[in-house]
Each structure stands twice: as structure tokens, then as C-alpha cells.
């Protein structure tokens, strides 16, 4: 399973569980968000892949998972939001997901 597929599976799983069960998913989500972001940064740091379109995909996936895994306004969200700050579509997708989760 690719990292992007793992992120989508996490989002589906998050919304497929009760709000009470979501707390246990948060710890997994925090770890997954870090892994996704790290994979994007690794691509950025390699001259062979520094312009890969996959970077944006990984950063968006990381931001989506992070938004569901952290409390709104948590300082831990800042790096994920910074990674997508220049991409209006990504910001809109993350905001839509945040609203779907009820601000979580």
C-alpha cells in the first residue's frame, strides 16, 4: 500500500468509527502524518526528485491526516499547513475535511 493509500484508508477509517473510537485513531494518525510529511521532504531534498508532483500529493495527504489527528489550533498542525499554504486547492480540501469532522 502506498503512503497516499494509507492516508486515504486512515481518513475512511476515521469517519467510519464512532467519535469515541476516533481518539484511538489519533495516535496512529499522528505517526502517519509525520511519515507522509517526511516522505515529501525526502523527495524535496533529492536533486533527482526535487520537482516531483508527488511532493504536493504527500504534503496534502499529511495535512489531511494531521487535521484529523490533532486538536484545532494545535501548534503541531503548523508545519503541515505551511507545506500546503501556496496551494489553494489543497487548503480547500483540508478545510472541507476539517468541517466534515466537525472542526476536529
Protein backbone atom coordinates (compact mmCIF):
# COMPACT_ATOMS: atom_id res chain seq x y z
CA UNK A 1 0.00 0.00 0.00
CA UNK A 2 1.41 3.40 -0.96
CA UNK A 3 1.65 6.18 1.62
CA UNK A 4 -1.16 8.03 -0.17
CA UNK A 5 -3.37 4.94 0.03
CA UNK A 6 -2.57 4.60 3.71
CA UNK A 7 -3.67 8.22 4.20
CA UNK A 8 -6.96 7.64 2.36
CA UNK A 9 -7.54 4.47 4.38
CA UNK A 10 -6.94 6.44 7.58
CA UNK A 11 -9.46 9.11 6.55
CA UNK A 12 -12.05 6.47 5.62
CA UNK A 13 -11.42 4.62 8.87
CA UNK A 14 -11.66 7.84 10.88
CA UNK A 15 -15.10 8.66 9.51
CA UNK A 16 -16.17 5.03 9.73
CA UNK A 17 -15.81 4.90 13.50
CA UNK A 18 -17.66 6.48 16.38
CA UNK A 19 -16.38 9.76 17.83
CA UNK A 20 -15.31 7.88 20.94
CA UNK A 21 -13.19 5.43 18.90
CA UNK A 22 -11.58 8.26 16.97
CA UNK A 23 -9.35 9.05 19.93
CA UNK A 24 -7.50 5.79 19.43
CA UNK A 25 -7.08 6.57 15.74
CA UNK A 26 -5.48 9.90 16.55
CA UNK A 27 -2.22 8.36 17.77
CA UNK A 28 -1.93 6.31 14.58
CA UNK A 29 -2.76 9.41 12.56
CA UNK A 30 -0.04 11.49 14.19
CA UNK A 31 2.54 8.86 13.29
CA UNK A 32 1.19 8.51 9.75
CA UNK A 33 1.13 12.28 9.18
CA UNK A 34 4.78 12.51 10.23
CA UNK A 35 5.71 9.66 7.87
CA UNK A 36 3.87 11.25 4.94
CA UNK A 37 5.46 14.63 5.55
CA UNK A 38 8.91 13.03 5.88
CA UNK A 39 8.41 11.21 2.56
CA UNK A 40 7.55 14.53 0.90
CA UNK A 41 10.57 16.25 2.43
CA UNK A 42 12.81 13.38 1.31
CA UNK A 43 11.62 13.90 -2.26
CA UNK A 44 12.29 17.65 -1.97
CA UNK A 45 15.82 17.05 -0.74
CA UNK A 46 16.89 14.82 -3.61
CA UNK A 47 18.05 16.54 -6.78
CA UNK A 48 16.53 13.70 -8.79
CA UNK A 49 13.05 14.22 -7.35
CA UNK A 50 13.00 17.80 -6.05
CA UNK A 51 10.33 18.82 -8.57
CA UNK A 52 8.24 15.67 -8.36
CA UNK A 53 4.47 16.27 -8.47
CA UNK A 54 4.20 13.55 -5.82
CA UNK A 55 5.53 16.02 -3.24
CA UNK A 56 2.28 18.00 -3.31
CA UNK A 57 0.28 14.79 -3.02
CA UNK A 58 2.26 13.66 0.02
CA UNK A 59 2.03 17.05 1.71
CA UNK A 60 -1.74 17.17 1.13
CA UNK A 61 -2.17 13.64 2.48
CA UNK A 62 -0.08 14.55 5.53
CA UNK A 63 -2.14 17.69 6.15
CA UNK A 64 -5.42 15.77 5.90
CA UNK A 65 -4.28 13.14 8.36
CA UNK A 66 -2.81 15.77 10.69
CA UNK A 67 -6.05 17.77 10.76
CA UNK A 68 -7.96 14.69 11.88
CA UNK A 69 -5.29 13.70 14.39
CA UNK A 70 -4.67 16.98 16.22
CA UNK A 71 -6.92 19.39 18.05
CA UNK A 72 -7.90 22.50 16.09
CA UNK A 73 -5.33 25.23 16.60
CA UNK A 74 -2.71 22.82 17.92
CA UNK A 75 0.81 24.10 17.25
CA UNK A 76 1.70 20.69 15.79
CA UNK A 77 -0.53 21.48 12.79
CA UNK A 78 1.54 24.48 11.72
CA UNK A 79 4.19 22.65 9.65
CA UNK A 80 1.53 20.69 7.77
CA UNK A 81 -0.42 23.83 6.94
CA UNK A 82 2.75 25.63 5.91
CA UNK A 83 3.53 22.83 3.45
CA UNK A 84 0.27 23.49 1.58
CA UNK A 85 -0.05 27.25 2.09
CA UNK A 86 0.60 28.10 -1.57
CA UNK A 87 -1.84 25.54 -2.93
CA UNK A 88 -5.40 26.88 -2.78
CA UNK A 89 -6.91 23.56 -3.83
CA UNK A 90 -5.06 21.71 -1.08
CA UNK A 91 -6.08 24.28 1.51
CA UNK A 92 -9.71 23.99 0.40
CA UNK A 93 -9.57 20.18 0.58
CA UNK A 94 -8.14 20.27 4.10
CA UNK A 95 -10.71 22.85 5.22
CA UNK A 96 -13.53 20.73 3.77
CA UNK A 97 -12.23 17.73 5.68
CA UNK A 98 -11.94 19.77 8.87
CA UNK A 99 -15.57 20.88 8.53
CA UNK A 100 -16.70 17.32 7.81
CA UNK A 101 -15.02 16.24 11.04
CA UNK A 102 -16.82 18.97 12.94
CA UNK A 103 -13.76 21.10 13.47
CA UNK A 104 -11.58 18.21 14.62
